[in-house]
Amino acid sequence: MNPNEAHFDQSLKSQSNYYTISDFNSSFNPPLKTKPNSSFDNNANSGSNPYKNFSLFHWNARSLNKNFESFELLLSSLQHFPFSAIGITETWLHHNSPDLFNIDNYKLFRSDRKNGRGGGVALYMYKQLHVKIRTDIHIEGCEDLFVEIKNVKHKNQIVGVMYRPPGNIVNGFSLMNA
């Protein structure tokens, strides 16, 4: 789906699937012809372009500081598939955490936990997508981050990532627009 030319398809909600790495690679990527220079080297050898075919990926980090290398290895194992948005939960980053977690061709947006340890969410958005942070959207009872993807010809799209800390009640979630 081209985020600049198509409306969001409501039927996509029921098309979420879980894949092993080999199942994912055989389903979504052609065989590699040459080795790309970087993780997402101009989408070389990829059957998809994150600007034309919108795709999402989620990973629970349980500390980006501790597990960033594993995350990079996982993305590399997916034959350099260029996701449009990558959501990360439990980043465990703070407002003073160094800016060390960059991925080629992506812009990182973060919402760190304000008090205590753990938690936090982040979104890696493909750099060619025109996005703005939506601070006016919040889900009560969870940590969240939403961005709006600007579309030229059609409605804009909103993408978000949220994490419900274990102590928060599931029934307590409600959409809060400021």
C-alpha atoms as a PDB file:
ATOM      1  CA  MET A   1       0.000   0.000   0.000  1.00  0.00           C
ATOM      2  CA  ASN A   2       1.378   3.392  -0.918  1.00  0.00           C
ATOM      3  CA  PRO A   3       0.849   5.720   2.063  1.00  0.00           C
ATOM      4  CA  ASN A   4       0.768   8.682  -0.329  1.00  0.00           C
ATOM      5  CA  GLU A   5      -1.767   7.234  -2.759  1.00  0.00           C
ATOM      6  CA  ALA A   6      -4.081   4.846  -0.928  1.00  0.00           C
ATOM      7  CA  HIS A   7      -6.538   5.010   1.948  1.00  0.00           C
ATOM      8  CA  PHE A   8      -5.947   2.826   4.977  1.00  0.00           C
ATOM      9  CA  ASP A   9      -7.550  -0.552   4.350  1.00  0.00           C
ATOM     10  CA  GLN A  10      -9.569  -1.576   7.414  1.00  0.00           C
ATOM     11  CA  SER A  11      -9.236  -5.261   6.429  1.00  0.00           C
ATOM     12  CA  LEU A  12      -5.514  -5.105   7.288  1.00  0.00           C
ATOM     13  CA  LYS A  13      -6.411  -5.448  10.974  1.00  0.00           C
ATOM     14  CA  SER A  14      -7.093  -9.149  10.482  1.00  0.00           C
ATOM     15  CA  GLN A  15      -3.991  -9.815   8.388  1.00  0.00           C
ATOM     16  CA  SER A  16      -1.385  -9.706  11.173  1.00  0.00           C
ATOM     17  CA  ASN A  17       0.752 -12.825  11.197  1.00  0.00           C
ATOM     18  CA  TYR A  18       3.730 -14.198  13.081  1.00  0.00           C
ATOM     19  CA  TYR A  19       6.641 -15.645  11.094  1.00  0.00           C
ATOM     20  CA  THR A  20       9.874 -17.469  11.729  1.00  0.00           C
ATOM     21  CA  ILE A  21      12.850 -15.718  10.122  1.00  0.00           C
ATOM     22  CA  SER A  22      13.065 -18.285   7.312  1.00  0.00           C
ATOM     23  CA  ASP A  23       9.277 -18.142   6.673  1.00  0.00           C
ATOM     24  CA  PHE A  24       9.414 -14.355   6.557  1.00  0.00           C
ATOM     25  CA  ASN A  25      12.368 -14.306   4.167  1.00  0.00           C
ATOM     26  CA  SER A  26      10.835 -16.837   1.797  1.00  0.00           C
ATOM     27  CA  SER A  27       7.469 -15.047   1.826  1.00  0.00           C
ATOM     28  CA  PHE A  28       8.585 -11.435   1.448  1.00  0.00           C
ATOM     29  CA  ASN A  29      12.026 -11.299  -0.097  1.00  0.00           C
ATOM     30  CA  PRO A  30      13.548 -12.516  -3.327  1.00  0.00           C
ATOM     31  CA  PRO A  31      16.897 -14.341  -3.068  1.00  0.00           C
ATOM     32  CA  LEU A  32      19.829 -11.991  -2.469  1.00  0.00           C
ATOM     33  CA  LYS A  33      21.869 -11.303  -5.603  1.00  0.00           C
ATOM     34  CA  THR A  34      24.568  -9.153  -4.059  1.00  0.00           C
ATOM     35  CA  LYS A  35      25.461  -8.206  -0.538  1.00  0.00           C
ATOM     36  CA  PRO A  36      24.233  -4.696   0.335  1.00  0.00           C
ATOM     37  CA  ASN A  37      26.651  -2.255   1.971  1.00  0.00           C
ATOM     38  CA  SER A  38      24.414  -1.360   4.902  1.00  0.00           C
ATOM     39  CA  SER A  39      21.295  -2.634   6.626  1.00  0.00           C
ATOM     40  CA  PHE A  40      18.940  -0.993   4.156  1.00  0.00           C
ATOM     41  CA  ASP A  41      21.225   0.044   1.299  1.00  0.00           C
ATOM     42  CA  ASN A  42      18.771   1.793  -1.035  1.00  0.00           C
ATOM     43  CA  ASN A  43      16.505  -1.214  -0.569  1.00  0.00           C
ATOM     44  CA  ALA A  44      18.848  -3.279  -2.737  1.00  0.00           C
ATOM     45  CA  ASN A  45      17.677  -6.849  -3.162  1.00  0.00           C
ATOM     46  CA  SER A  46      14.462  -6.161  -1.363  1.00  0.00           C
ATOM     47  CA  GLY A  47      11.097  -7.069  -2.771  1.00  0.00           C
ATOM     48  CA  SER A  48       9.594  -4.057  -1.016  1.00  0.00           C
ATOM     49  CA  ASN A  49      10.081  -0.338  -0.682  1.00  0.00           C
ATOM     50  CA  PRO A  50       8.900   1.139   2.651  1.00  0.00           C
ATOM     51  CA  TYR A  51       7.688   4.260   0.871  1.00  0.00           C
ATOM     52  CA  LYS A  52       5.445   2.387  -1.588  1.00  0.00           C
ATOM     53  CA  ASN A  53       4.443  -0.716   0.426  1.00  0.00           C
ATOM     54  CA  PHE A  54       3.577   0.179   3.990  1.00  0.00           C
ATOM     55  CA  SER A  55       4.854  -2.386   6.515  1.00  0.00           C
ATOM     56  CA  LEU A  56       5.123  -2.491  10.316  1.00  0.00           C
ATOM     57  CA  PHE A  57       7.441  -4.344  12.676  1.00  0.00           C
ATOM     58  CA  HIS A  58       7.285  -4.563  16.485  1.00  0.00           C
ATOM     59  CA  TRP A  59       9.994  -5.682  18.902  1.00  0.00           C
ATOM     60  CA  ASN A  60       9.984  -5.780  22.708  1.00  0.00           C
ATOM     61  CA  ALA A  61      13.549  -4.762  23.561  1.00  0.00           C
ATOM     62  CA  ARG A  62      13.662  -5.198  27.341  1.00  0.00           C
ATOM     63  CA  SER A  63      16.501  -2.634  27.191  1.00  0.00           C
ATOM     64  CA  LEU A  64      17.803  -1.198  23.931  1.00  0.00           C
ATOM     65  CA  ASN A  65      21.074  -0.537  25.709  1.00  0.00           C
ATOM     66  CA  LYS A  66      21.543  -4.239  26.412  1.00  0.00           C
ATOM     67  CA  ASN A  67      19.901  -5.720  23.291  1.00  0.00           C
ATOM     68  CA  PHE A  68      20.529  -3.299  20.407  1.00  0.00           C
ATOM     69  CA  GLU A  69      23.073  -5.609  18.744  1.00  0.00           C
ATOM     70  CA  SER A  70      20.524  -8.455  18.834  1.00  0.00           C
ATOM     71  CA  PHE A  71      17.960  -6.113  17.283  1.00  0.00           C
ATOM     72  CA  GLU A  72      20.357  -5.162  14.469  1.00  0.00           C
ATOM     73  CA  LEU A  73      21.127  -8.855  13.902  1.00  0.00           C
ATOM     74  CA  LEU A  74      17.415  -9.665  13.724  1.00  0.00           C
ATOM     75  CA  LEU A  75      16.815  -6.915  11.140  1.00  0.00           C
ATOM     76  CA  SER A  76      19.802  -8.148   9.152  1.00  0.00           C
ATOM     77  CA  SER A  77      18.447 -11.724   9.324  1.00  0.00           C
ATOM     78  CA  LEU A  78      15.277 -10.501   7.645  1.00  0.00           C
ATOM     79  CA  GLN A  79      17.301 -10.057   4.442  1.00  0.00           C
ATOM     80  CA  HIS A  80      17.341  -6.288   4.775  1.00  0.00           C
ATOM     81  CA  PHE A  81      13.567  -5.920   4.458  1.00  0.00           C
ATOM     82  CA  PRO A  82      12.832  -2.188   4.627  1.00  0.00           C
ATOM     83  CA  PHE A  83       9.956  -1.696   7.077  1.00  0.00           C
ATOM     84  CA  SER A  84       8.027   1.590   6.946  1.00  0.00           C
ATOM     85  CA  ALA A  85       7.746   1.755  10.743  1.00  0.00           C
ATOM     86  CA  ILE A  86       9.467  -0.201  13.495  1.00  0.00           C
ATOM     87  CA  GLY A  87       7.879  -0.008  16.945  1.00  0.00           C
ATOM     88  CA  ILE A  88       9.953  -0.763  20.025  1.00  0.00           C
ATOM     89  CA  THR A  89       8.511  -1.369  23.492  1.00  0.00           C
ATOM     90  CA  GLU A  90      10.393  -1.471  26.800  1.00  0.00           C
ATOM     91  CA  THR A  91      13.309   0.617  25.544  1.00  0.00           C
ATOM     92  CA  TRP A  92      14.364   1.281  29.141  1.00  0.00           C
ATOM     93  CA  LEU A  93      15.849   4.613  28.013  1.00  0.00           C
ATOM     94  CA  HIS A  94      15.844   7.842  30.033  1.00  0.00           C
ATOM     95  CA  HIS A  95      15.767  11.488  28.978  1.00  0.00           C
ATOM     96  CA  ASN A  96      19.566  11.585  29.408  1.00  0.00           C
ATOM     97  CA  SER A  97      20.300   8.320  27.526  1.00  0.00           C
ATOM     98  CA  PRO A  98      22.840   8.892  24.743  1.00  0.00           C
ATOM     99  CA  ASP A  99      21.664   8.968  21.141  1.00  0.00           C
ATOM    100  CA  LEU A 100      23.365   5.681  20.180  1.00  0.00           C
ATOM    101  CA  PHE A 101      20.574   3.637  18.642  1.00  0.00           C
ATOM    102  CA  ASN A 102      20.496   4.768  15.025  1.00  0.00           C
ATOM    103  CA  ILE A 103      19.536   2.622  12.041  1.00  0.00           C
ATOM    104  CA  ASP A 104      20.438   3.612   8.476  1.00  0.00           C
ATOM    105  CA  ASN A 105      17.539   5.190   6.539  1.00  0.00           C
ATOM    106  CA  TYR A 106      15.378   5.628   9.668  1.00  0.00           C
ATOM    107  CA  LYS A 107      14.560   8.473  12.014  1.00  0.00           C
ATOM    108  CA  LEU A 108      14.134   7.562  15.671  1.00  0.00           C
ATOM    109  CA  PHE A 109      11.337   9.005  17.831  1.00  0.00           C
ATOM    110  CA  ARG A 110      11.278   8.194  21.545  1.00  0.00           C
ATOM    111  CA  SER A 111       8.980   8.492  24.523  1.00  0.00           C
ATOM    112  CA  ASP A 112      10.972   7.546  27.599  1.00  0.00           C
ATOM    113  CA  ARG A 113       9.410   6.586  30.928  1.00  0.00           C
ATOM    114  CA  LYS A 114       9.153   9.675  33.105  1.00  0.00           C
ATOM    115  CA  ASN A 115       9.476   8.019  36.547  1.00  0.00           C
ATOM    116  CA  GLY A 116      11.072   4.768  37.645  1.00  0.00           C
ATOM    117  CA  ARG A 117      13.004   2.261  35.610  1.00  0.00           C
ATOM    118  CA  GLY A 118      12.056   0.175  32.585  1.00  0.00           C
ATOM    119  CA  GLY A 119       9.271   0.976  30.133  1.00  0.00           C
ATOM    120  CA  GLY A 120       9.539   3.486  27.335  1.00  0.00           C
ATOM    121  CA  VAL A 121       8.597   3.198  23.663  1.00  0.00           C
ATOM    122  CA  ALA A 122      10.177   4.232  20.375  1.00  0.00           C
ATOM    123  CA  LEU A 123       9.349   4.374  16.686  1.00  0.00           C
ATOM    124  CA  TYR A 124      11.816   4.109  13.842  1.00  0.00           C
ATOM    125  CA  MET A 125      10.169   5.729  10.818  1.00  0.00           C
ATOM    126  CA  TYR A 126      11.525   5.323   7.301  1.00  0.00           C
ATOM    127  CA  LYS A 127      13.322   8.607   6.614  1.00  0.00           C
ATOM    128  CA  GLN A 128      11.537   9.427   3.339  1.00  0.00           C
ATOM    129  CA  LEU A 129       8.124   9.417   5.037  1.00  0.00           C
ATOM    130  CA  HIS A 130       7.039  12.875   6.141  1.00  0.00           C
ATOM    131  CA  VAL A 131       5.942  12.523   9.762  1.00  0.00           C
ATOM    132  CA  LYS A 132       5.127  14.660  12.771  1.00  0.00           C
ATOM    133  CA  ILE A 133       4.776  13.601  16.405  1.00  0.00           C
ATOM    134  CA  ARG A 134       1.181  13.609  17.696  1.00  0.00           C
ATOM    135  CA  THR A 135       1.400  14.612  21.356  1.00  0.00           C
ATOM    136  CA  ASP A 136      -2.369  15.160  21.399  1.00  0.00           C
ATOM    137  CA  ILE A 137      -3.061  11.404  21.257  1.00  0.00           C
ATOM    138  CA  HIS A 138      -2.586   9.344  24.402  1.00  0.00           C
ATOM    139  CA  ILE A 139      -3.977   6.023  25.649  1.00  0.00           C
ATOM    140  CA  GLU A 140      -4.635   6.301  29.383  1.00  0.00           C
ATOM    141  CA  GLY A 141      -2.925   3.513  31.338  1.00  0.00           C
ATOM    142  CA  CYS A 142      -0.046   2.893  28.952  1.00  0.00           C
ATOM    143  CA  GLU A 143       3.129   4.426  27.577  1.00  0.00           C
ATOM    144  CA  ASP A 144       2.653   5.435  23.967  1.00  0.00           C
ATOM    145  CA  LEU A 145       3.986   7.375  21.018  1.00  0.00           C
ATOM    146  CA  PHE A 146       2.041   8.351  17.906  1.00  0.00           C
ATOM    147  CA  VAL A 147       3.184   9.944  14.650  1.00  0.00           C
ATOM    148  CA  GLU A 148       1.167  11.182  11.707  1.00  0.00           C
ATOM    149  CA  ILE A 149       2.351  10.305   8.224  1.00  0.00           C
ATOM    150  CA  LYS A 150       1.643  13.169   5.849  1.00  0.00           C
ATOM    151  CA  ASN A 151       0.100  12.057   2.555  1.00  0.00           C
ATOM    152  CA  VAL A 152       0.063  14.200  -0.563  1.00  0.00           C
ATOM    153  CA  LYS A 153      -3.094  12.963  -2.280  1.00  0.00           C
ATOM    154  CA  HIS A 154      -5.110  11.257   0.471  1.00  0.00           C
ATOM    155  CA  LYS A 155      -5.818  11.222   4.180  1.00  0.00           C
ATOM    156  CA  ASN A 156      -2.869  11.221   6.531  1.00  0.00           C
ATOM    157  CA  GLN A 157      -2.206   8.051   8.544  1.00  0.00           C
ATOM    158  CA  ILE A 158      -1.423   7.725  12.227  1.00  0.00           C
ATOM    159  CA  VAL A 159       0.964   5.045  13.476  1.00  0.00           C
ATOM    160  CA  GLY A 160       1.603   4.378  17.120  1.00  0.00           C
ATOM    161  CA  VAL A 161       3.344   2.099  19.549  1.00  0.00           C
ATOM    162  CA  MET A 162       2.131   1.452  23.076  1.00  0.00           C
ATOM    163  CA  TYR A 163       3.226  -0.483  26.119  1.00  0.00           C
ATOM    164  CA  ARG A 164       0.972  -1.357  29.050  1.00  0.00           C
ATOM    165  CA  PRO A 165       3.029  -1.787  32.207  1.00  0.00           C
ATOM    166  CA  PRO A 166       2.091  -5.034  34.005  1.00  0.00           C
ATOM    167  CA  GLY A 167       0.512  -3.217  36.974  1.00  0.00           C
ATOM    168  CA  ASN A 168      -1.956  -1.263  34.842  1.00  0.00           C
ATOM    169  CA  ILE A 169      -5.484  -2.596  34.406  1.00  0.00           C
ATOM    170  CA  VAL A 170      -6.458  -3.616  30.862  1.00  0.00           C
ATOM    171  CA  ASN A 171     -10.077  -2.461  31.298  1.00  0.00           C
ATOM    172  CA  GLY A 172      -8.817   1.011  32.198  1.00  0.00           C
ATOM    173  CA  PHE A 173      -7.621   1.866  28.673  1.00  0.00           C
ATOM    174  CA  SER A 174      -9.474   4.726  27.033  1.00  0.00           C
ATOM    175  CA  LEU A 175      -8.540   7.017  24.174  1.00  0.00           C
ATOM    176  CA  MET A 176      -7.720  10.505  25.411  1.00  0.00           C
ATOM    177  CA  ASN A 177      -7.581  13.375  22.912  1.00  0.00           C
ATOM    178  CA  ALA A 178      -6.183  16.576  24.379  1.00  0.00           C
END
